[in-house]
């Protein structure tokens, strides 16, 4: 069976809302979720409807199923009302599509962003160090919401500019335990990146929860003409920090998963091991953020360094890659897609990455009916999107599906 034939079969097996059981899997799924619910499935079917128009109706069915559900308590780009908006904008193909839905969603997303911004601006005004990752990151915070607001157009420009000014301020140094460190220092635990807690906090290079997400948003907004004072300088601060915090081993440069405060103060990155290879943490996501910034700032050497660091990651033994499954977040689908964006679609590593994804599909993410995880971030929808775009490149558009991952 060819890859394309298998892909079409797997998509059709997913089917409409009645065919997908969100109650199965390793953890509960929420229907109004881009990460693991109907919103993410709507994005998948919308993307595939470009070549198979009848799938657009299936996308709409998933969107309607998500909209019928009470929203979750915690909302972000990946959960709740913002996920509905992202899905609706993915399905829309003409001016006016889903105007009624978006007229309710967009103001809600603005209010969510303003609430977080007000709290963070008060923290900064009080000179209180310690940004919470959930305040600024892609999956839970302002970087994810900001990418959605950019797609909304002129109506949300004021709050988007306010958000960018906050990110600029986030890059300014703060004092922690008497030492001057970057403003994105956080007292938070490192979440899934590292089971070890860091008692003095850490700085997170990653795309999902770290400073690469804000860097990517600053760059993408700049590319779309949304510019605030200090934006270029902020991108320069983040990118130079990321490049300077790489370690080196016999395979080449690498990014660690996190930089504990004590290592930051001592400039002892070489003592930290390489991160796993993933979108969420490690070279694929970080390299893409640096590449996006390099284009906007006009620093071609950054792009060269980002590509070299990503290529070095694949020279390490495969058992050290840390790819857990075939998902977008921490699996081979996210690695495949991000790597194609950074290195280009003709990169020699891509066929092997595609094979790696396919070798994972039966074991974890994509099984017959139902999939163990049906969603976008950790499940079948994201895996199939990455595989589809490996076979059929994504054309230009106002909101590509990988915008949710801050990849463009």
Protein backbone atom coordinates (compact mmCIF):
# COMPACT_ATOMS: atom_id res chain seq x y z
CA UNK A 1 0.00 0.00 0.00
CA UNK A 2 1.44 3.42 -0.96
CA UNK A 3 1.80 6.16 1.62
CA UNK A 4 -0.83 8.27 -0.14
CA UNK A 5 -3.31 5.40 -0.26
CA UNK A 6 -2.76 4.66 3.41
CA UNK A 7 -3.17 8.35 4.25
CA UNK A 8 -6.51 8.61 2.44
CA UNK A 9 -7.72 5.44 4.13
CA UNK A 10 -6.67 6.65 7.57
CA UNK A 11 -8.45 9.99 7.10
CA UNK A 12 -11.65 8.31 5.96
CA UNK A 13 -11.50 5.95 8.94
CA UNK A 14 -11.47 8.95 11.28
CA UNK A 15 -14.78 10.13 9.82
CA UNK A 16 -17.26 12.59 11.29
CA UNK A 17 -17.97 13.37 14.94
CA UNK A 18 -20.17 10.30 15.38
CA UNK A 19 -17.25 8.07 14.35
CA UNK A 20 -14.73 9.54 16.80
CA UNK A 21 -14.79 8.49 20.44
CA UNK A 22 -13.07 11.22 22.45
CA UNK A 23 -13.43 9.19 25.63
CA UNK A 24 -10.74 6.69 24.67
CA UNK A 25 -7.02 7.12 25.06
CA UNK A 26 -4.46 7.73 27.73
CA UNK A 27 -6.14 10.83 29.16
CA UNK A 28 -9.54 12.55 28.85
CA UNK A 29 -10.13 14.57 25.71
CA UNK A 30 -12.20 17.77 25.53
CA UNK A 31 -14.37 18.22 22.42
CA UNK A 32 -13.72 21.99 22.24
CA UNK A 33 -9.99 21.54 21.83
CA UNK A 34 -7.50 22.03 19.06
CA UNK A 35 -5.07 19.85 20.97
CA UNK A 36 -7.16 16.70 21.29
CA UNK A 37 -10.77 17.35 20.30
CA UNK A 38 -13.12 18.19 17.45
CA UNK A 39 -11.50 21.57 16.74
CA UNK A 40 -8.29 19.84 15.73
CA UNK A 41 -10.12 17.31 13.59
CA UNK A 42 -11.89 20.18 11.82
CA UNK A 43 -8.49 21.61 10.90
CA UNK A 44 -7.40 18.26 9.42
CA UNK A 45 -10.49 17.84 7.26
CA UNK A 46 -10.35 21.48 6.18
CA UNK A 47 -6.78 21.07 4.94
CA UNK A 48 -7.57 17.89 3.06
CA UNK A 49 -10.71 19.40 1.54
CA UNK A 50 -8.52 21.48 -0.80
CA UNK A 51 -8.05 18.31 -2.84
CA UNK A 52 -11.22 16.49 -1.81
CA UNK A 53 -14.06 19.06 -1.51
CA UNK A 54 -16.55 16.67 0.14
CA UNK A 55 -14.33 16.61 3.24
CA UNK A 56 -15.18 20.27 3.89
CA UNK A 57 -18.57 19.15 5.17
CA UNK A 58 -16.87 16.75 7.57
CA UNK A 59 -14.72 19.64 8.79
CA UNK A 60 -17.87 21.67 9.43
CA UNK A 61 -19.44 18.76 11.33
CA UNK A 62 -16.46 18.60 13.67
CA UNK A 63 -16.56 22.37 14.18
CA UNK A 64 -20.27 22.19 15.02
CA UNK A 65 -19.64 19.32 17.45
CA UNK A 66 -16.98 21.36 19.22
CA UNK A 67 -19.23 24.42 19.37
CA UNK A 68 -22.04 22.45 21.06
CA UNK A 69 -19.80 21.67 24.04
CA UNK A 70 -19.45 23.82 27.18
CA UNK A 71 -16.05 25.45 27.04
CA UNK A 72 -13.29 24.22 29.36
CA UNK A 73 -12.29 26.19 32.46
CA UNK A 74 -8.82 27.07 31.15
CA UNK A 75 -8.67 28.52 27.64
CA UNK A 76 -5.83 29.09 25.21
CA UNK A 77 -5.25 28.76 21.49
CA UNK A 78 -5.44 25.01 21.97
CA UNK A 79 -8.48 24.82 24.25
CA UNK A 80 -11.87 26.43 24.36
CA UNK A 81 -13.24 29.27 22.25
CA UNK A 82 -9.90 30.23 20.60
CA UNK A 83 -9.65 26.70 19.21
CA UNK A 84 -13.06 27.17 17.59
CA UNK A 85 -11.85 30.35 15.95
CA UNK A 86 -8.71 28.70 14.62
CA UNK A 87 -10.74 25.82 13.20
CA UNK A 88 -13.29 28.16 11.62
CA UNK A 89 -10.56 30.23 9.98
CA UNK A 90 -9.01 27.01 8.69
CA UNK A 91 -12.27 25.96 7.04
CA UNK A 92 -13.12 29.40 5.63
CA UNK A 93 -12.36 29.78 1.93
CA UNK A 94 -14.14 33.03 1.09
CA UNK A 95 -14.75 36.40 2.70
CA UNK A 96 -17.73 36.10 5.00
CA UNK A 97 -17.36 32.38 5.74
CA UNK A 98 -18.16 31.77 9.41
CA UNK A 99 -18.68 35.48 9.98
CA UNK A 100 -21.25 34.80 12.69
CA UNK A 101 -18.98 32.43 14.60
CA UNK A 102 -15.95 34.69 14.32
CA UNK A 103 -17.91 37.77 15.40
CA UNK A 104 -18.36 36.03 18.74
CA UNK A 105 -15.01 34.27 18.97
CA UNK A 106 -12.68 37.15 18.15
CA UNK A 107 -13.85 39.49 20.95
CA UNK A 108 -13.61 36.58 23.38
CA UNK A 109 -9.98 35.95 22.37
CA UNK A 110 -9.26 39.67 22.76
CA UNK A 111 -10.64 39.59 26.31
CA UNK A 112 -8.56 36.52 27.18
CA UNK A 113 -5.41 38.24 25.92
CA UNK A 114 -6.22 41.48 27.72
CA UNK A 115 -6.74 39.67 31.02
CA UNK A 116 -3.33 38.03 30.86
CA UNK A 117 -1.68 41.22 29.61
CA UNK A 118 -3.09 43.26 32.47
CA UNK A 119 -1.70 40.84 35.04
CA UNK A 120 1.71 40.63 33.34
CA UNK A 121 1.98 44.38 32.86
CA UNK A 122 1.28 44.86 36.57
CA UNK A 123 4.01 42.33 37.41
CA UNK A 124 6.50 44.13 35.20
CA UNK A 125 5.53 47.54 36.59
CA UNK A 126 6.19 46.21 40.10
CA UNK A 127 9.63 44.95 38.92
CA UNK A 128 8.69 41.46 40.04
CA UNK A 129 10.77 38.86 38.16
CA UNK A 130 9.42 35.48 37.23
CA UNK A 131 7.27 35.15 34.12
CA UNK A 132 4.95 32.17 34.19
CA UNK A 133 5.33 30.06 31.07
CA UNK A 134 1.55 29.75 30.80
CA UNK A 135 1.38 33.54 30.51
CA UNK A 136 3.61 33.90 27.46
CA UNK A 137 4.02 30.52 25.77
CA UNK A 138 2.47 29.06 22.60
CA UNK A 139 0.32 26.28 24.01
CA UNK A 140 -1.21 28.06 27.00
CA UNK A 141 -0.36 31.74 26.74
CA UNK A 142 -0.02 34.92 24.78
CA UNK A 143 2.22 33.70 21.97
CA UNK A 144 -0.50 31.29 20.82
CA UNK A 145 -3.26 33.87 21.20
CA UNK A 146 -1.11 36.43 19.40
CA UNK A 147 -0.79 34.23 16.33
CA UNK A 148 -4.56 33.93 16.21
CA UNK A 149 -5.03 37.70 16.64
CA UNK A 150 -2.65 38.31 13.73
CA UNK A 151 -4.97 36.26 11.50
CA UNK A 152 -7.97 38.35 12.59
CA UNK A 153 -6.78 41.44 10.76
CA UNK A 154 -7.13 45.12 11.54
CA UNK A 155 -9.91 44.76 14.10
CA UNK A 156 -7.62 43.15 16.67
CA UNK A 157 -4.48 45.15 15.82
CA UNK A 158 -4.51 47.31 19.01
CA UNK A 159 -4.45 44.34 21.39
CA UNK A 160 -1.91 42.52 19.19
CA UNK A 161 0.41 45.52 19.33
CA UNK A 162 -0.06 45.67 23.10
CA UNK A 163 0.85 41.98 23.24
CA UNK A 164 4.00 42.56 21.18
CA UNK A 165 5.05 45.42 23.44
CA UNK A 166 4.71 43.03 26.38
CA UNK A 167 6.93 40.46 24.64
CA UNK A 168 9.51 43.17 23.97
CA UNK A 169 9.54 44.02 27.67
CA UNK A 170 9.78 40.32 28.53
CA UNK A 171 13.19 40.23 26.86
CA UNK A 172 14.63 42.98 29.07
CA UNK A 173 16.94 41.80 31.90
CA UNK A 174 15.75 41.28 35.47
CA UNK A 175 17.59 40.61 38.71
CA UNK A 176 17.12 37.19 40.30
CA UNK A 177 18.97 36.23 43.48
CA UNK A 178 21.19 39.24 42.90
CA UNK A 179 22.15 38.24 39.34
CA UNK A 180 21.14 39.89 36.09
CA UNK A 181 19.37 37.40 33.80
CA UNK A 182 16.97 37.50 30.82
CA UNK A 183 13.44 38.60 31.63
CA UNK A 184 11.87 35.28 30.64
CA UNK A 185 13.44 33.57 33.65
CA UNK A 186 10.69 31.54 35.30
CA UNK A 187 10.28 29.89 38.70
CA UNK A 188 8.03 27.28 37.08
CA UNK A 189 9.00 23.61 36.95
CA UNK A 190 10.21 22.53 33.54
CA UNK A 191 7.05 20.50 32.86
CA UNK A 192 7.54 17.66 30.39
CA UNK A 193 11.02 18.71 29.37
CA UNK A 194 12.77 17.38 32.44
CA UNK A 195 11.44 15.52 35.48
CA UNK A 196 14.03 17.27 37.68
CA UNK A 197 12.80 20.39 39.43
CA UNK A 198 15.11 23.37 39.45
CA UNK A 199 14.87 25.10 42.84
CA UNK A 200 16.18 28.42 41.49
CA UNK A 201 14.05 28.38 38.36
CA UNK A 202 15.20 28.15 34.77
CA UNK A 203 15.19 29.67 31.30
CA UNK A 204 13.35 27.65 28.67
CA UNK A 205 14.63 27.63 25.07
CA UNK A 206 11.76 25.50 23.71
CA UNK A 207 9.03 26.31 21.22
CA UNK A 208 6.01 25.01 23.13
CA UNK A 209 6.70 26.51 26.55
CA UNK A 210 9.84 28.58 26.12
CA UNK A 211 11.19 31.74 24.56
CA UNK A 212 11.30 30.38 21.00
CA UNK A 213 7.52 30.81 20.80
CA UNK A 214 7.64 34.57 21.48
CA UNK A 215 10.59 34.88 19.08
CA UNK A 216 8.60 33.19 16.31
CA UNK A 217 5.56 35.40 16.93
CA UNK A 218 7.64 38.58 16.92
CA UNK A 219 9.15 37.51 13.60
CA UNK A 220 5.89 36.45 11.93
CA UNK A 221 4.15 39.66 13.00
CA UNK A 222 7.07 41.69 11.64
CA UNK A 223 6.79 39.81 8.34
CA UNK A 224 3.11 40.81 8.20
CA UNK A 225 3.86 44.46 8.90
CA UNK A 226 2.81 44.51 12.55
CA UNK A 227 5.70 46.30 14.22
CA UNK A 228 6.15 47.99 17.61
CA UNK A 229 9.06 49.88 19.09
CA UNK A 230 11.91 47.61 20.14
CA UNK A 231 10.70 44.57 18.18
CA UNK A 232 13.91 44.09 16.20
CA UNK A 233 16.02 44.54 19.33
CA UNK A 234 13.90 41.99 21.19
CA UNK A 235 14.33 39.44 18.41
CA UNK A 236 18.06 40.08 18.46
CA UNK A 237 18.25 39.56 22.24
CA UNK A 238 16.39 36.26 22.11
CA UNK A 239 18.15 34.83 19.07
CA UNK A 240 21.65 35.71 20.27
CA UNK A 241 20.85 34.16 23.66
CA UNK A 242 19.59 30.98 22.02
CA UNK A 243 22.66 30.66 19.83
CA UNK A 244 25.00 31.37 22.73
CA UNK A 245 23.38 28.78 24.99
CA UNK A 246 24.11 25.82 22.74
CA UNK A 247 26.39 23.08 23.88
CA UNK A 248 28.66 21.02 21.64
CA UNK A 249 29.47 17.32 21.51
CA UNK A 250 31.18 15.10 18.96
CA UNK A 251 28.17 15.39 16.65
CA UNK A 252 28.01 19.18 16.69
CA UNK A 253 26.03 21.93 18.43
CA UNK A 254 22.83 21.32 20.36
CA UNK A 255 20.23 23.05 22.46
CA UNK A 256 19.54 21.77 25.98
CA UNK A 257 15.94 21.26 27.06
CA UNK A 258 16.20 23.91 29.78
CA UNK A 259 18.88 26.17 31.24
CA UNK A 260 18.70 26.15 35.06
CA UNK A 261 19.49 29.48 36.71
CA UNK A 262 22.79 28.25 38.12
CA UNK A 263 23.94 27.18 34.64
CA UNK A 264 22.85 30.51 33.16
CA UNK A 265 24.80 32.48 35.74
CA UNK A 266 27.90 30.28 35.29
CA UNK A 267 27.51 30.15 31.46
CA UNK A 268 27.86 26.39 31.87
CA UNK A 269 25.63 25.15 29.05
CA UNK A 270 28.25 22.57 28.09
CA UNK A 271 27.34 20.68 31.27
CA UNK A 272 23.75 20.22 30.06
CA UNK A 273 22.80 17.30 27.79
CA UNK A 274 21.14 17.73 24.39
CA UNK A 275 17.38 18.03 24.37
CA UNK A 276 15.30 15.37 22.68
CA UNK A 277 14.40 16.07 19.05
CA UNK A 278 10.86 17.45 18.89
CA UNK A 279 8.75 20.43 17.97
CA UNK A 280 8.04 21.24 21.60
CA UNK A 281 11.64 21.07 22.84
CA UNK A 282 14.87 20.78 20.95
CA UNK A 283 16.37 21.66 17.59
CA UNK A 284 13.38 21.47 15.16
CA UNK A 285 11.26 24.08 16.91
CA UNK A 286 14.08 26.31 18.14
CA UNK A 287 15.82 26.30 14.75
CA UNK A 288 12.61 27.38 13.03
CA UNK A 289 12.14 30.30 15.44
CA UNK A 290 15.73 31.45 14.88
CA UNK A 291 15.31 31.10 11.12
CA UNK A 292 12.13 33.21 11.10
CA UNK A 293 13.87 35.92 13.13
CA UNK A 294 16.98 35.81 10.94
CA UNK A 295 14.89 36.65 7.89
CA UNK A 296 13.31 39.68 9.57
CA UNK A 297 16.44 41.01 11.24
CA UNK A 298 18.67 40.36 8.24
CA UNK A 299 21.11 37.96 9.88
CA UNK A 300 21.86 35.12 7.45
CA UNK A 301 24.47 33.66 9.81
CA UNK A 302 21.67 32.87 12.28
CA UNK A 303 19.95 30.77 9.64
CA UNK A 304 23.18 28.92 8.91
CA UNK A 305 23.71 28.23 12.63
CA UNK A 306 20.11 27.07 13.07
CA UNK A 307 20.40 24.66 10.16
CA UNK A 308 23.75 23.34 11.38
CA UNK A 309 22.33 22.69 14.85
CA UNK A 310 19.33 20.85 13.44
CA UNK A 311 21.49 18.71 11.17
CA UNK A 312 23.75 17.84 14.12
CA UNK A 313 20.71 16.54 16.01
CA UNK A 314 20.15 13.87 13.36
CA UNK A 315 23.78 12.76 13.51
CA UNK A 316 23.27 11.55 17.08
CA UNK A 317 22.31 7.90 17.53
CA UNK A 318 18.60 7.36 16.88
CA UNK A 319 18.09 5.91 20.33
CA UNK A 320 19.01 9.34 21.72
CA UNK A 321 16.52 11.24 19.60
CA UNK A 322 13.82 10.83 22.23
CA UNK A 323 10.98 10.67 19.68
CA UNK A 324 8.14 9.06 21.60
CA UNK A 325 5.46 8.56 18.97
CA UNK A 326 4.14 9.92 15.68
CA UNK A 327 2.55 13.10 17.06
CA UNK A 328 3.17 16.77 16.25
CA UNK A 329 4.09 17.81 19.77
CA UNK A 330 6.87 15.44 20.77
CA UNK A 331 6.81 12.92 17.95
CA UNK A 332 8.04 12.28 14.46
CA UNK A 333 5.25 14.24 12.71
CA UNK A 334 6.33 17.51 14.29
CA UNK A 335 9.98 16.74 13.57
CA UNK A 336 9.22 15.95 9.92
CA UNK A 337 7.22 19.12 9.33
CA UNK A 338 9.49 21.53 11.20
CA UNK A 339 12.59 20.06 9.57
CA UNK A 340 11.10 20.51 6.09
CA UNK A 341 10.44 24.17 6.87
CA UNK A 342 13.98 24.77 8.18
CA UNK A 343 16.06 22.71 5.76
CA UNK A 344 13.78 22.72 2.74
CA UNK A 345 11.67 20.02 1.16
CA UNK A 346 14.68 18.48 -0.61
CA UNK A 347 16.64 17.90 2.59
CA UNK A 348 18.30 14.49 2.61
CA UNK A 349 17.04 13.67 6.12
CA UNK A 350 13.34 13.87 5.20
CA UNK A 351 12.84 10.40 3.66
CA UNK A 352 14.28 8.79 6.78
CA UNK A 353 12.08 10.94 9.02
CA UNK A 354 9.02 9.97 6.99
CA UNK A 355 9.94 6.30 7.35
CA UNK A 356 10.38 6.84 11.08
CA UNK A 357 6.89 8.36 11.27
CA UNK A 358 5.34 5.49 9.37
CA UNK A 359 7.09 2.94 11.58
CA UNK A 360 5.42 4.57 14.60
CA UNK A 361 1.89 4.84 13.27
CA UNK A 362 0.46 1.46 14.25
CA UNK A 363 2.15 1.42 17.62
CA UNK A 364 0.82 4.66 18.97
CA UNK A 365 -0.99 7.40 17.14
CA UNK A 366 -2.91 6.10 14.15
CA UNK A 367 -4.69 2.82 14.66
CA UNK A 368 -7.77 1.64 12.79
CA UNK A 369 -10.97 2.83 14.51
CA UNK A 370 -10.92 4.59 16.87
CA UNK A 371 -7.42 6.07 17.12
CA UNK A 372 -6.05 6.02 20.64
CA UNK A 373 -5.62 9.78 20.38
CA UNK A 374 -7.64 11.52 17.68
CA UNK A 375 -6.48 15.11 18.08
CA UNK A 376 -4.17 17.65 16.51
CA UNK A 377 -1.33 18.07 18.99
CA UNK A 378 -0.86 14.56 20.33
CA UNK A 379 -2.80 12.37 17.96
CA UNK A 380 -3.98 11.22 14.58
CA UNK A 381 -5.09 14.57 13.13
CA UNK A 382 -1.67 16.15 13.54
CA UNK A 383 0.14 13.07 12.28
CA UNK A 384 -1.99 12.97 9.13
CA UNK A 385 -1.58 16.71 8.53
CA UNK A 386 2.21 16.42 8.63
CA UNK A 387 2.20 13.38 6.37
CA UNK A 388 -0.21 15.02 3.93
CA UNK A 389 1.97 18.12 3.70
CA UNK A 390 5.04 15.96 3.17
CA UNK A 391 3.30 14.64 0.07
CA UNK A 392 1.41 17.81 -0.91
CA UNK A 393 3.12 21.09 0.06
CA UNK A 394 1.02 23.70 1.82
CA UNK A 395 0.39 26.74 -0.37
CA UNK A 396 0.32 30.34 0.82
CA UNK A 397 -2.61 31.40 2.96
CA UNK A 398 -3.55 33.71 5.81
CA UNK A 399 -3.61 30.98 8.47
CA UNK A 400 -1.73 27.77 7.66
CA UNK A 401 -2.41 24.92 10.08
CA UNK A 402 1.16 25.01 11.37
CA UNK A 403 0.56 28.58 12.59
CA UNK A 404 -0.83 26.92 15.73
CA UNK A 405 2.68 25.59 16.31
CA UNK A 406 4.27 29.03 15.72
CA UNK A 407 6.09 27.61 12.70
CA UNK A 408 4.90 30.30 10.32
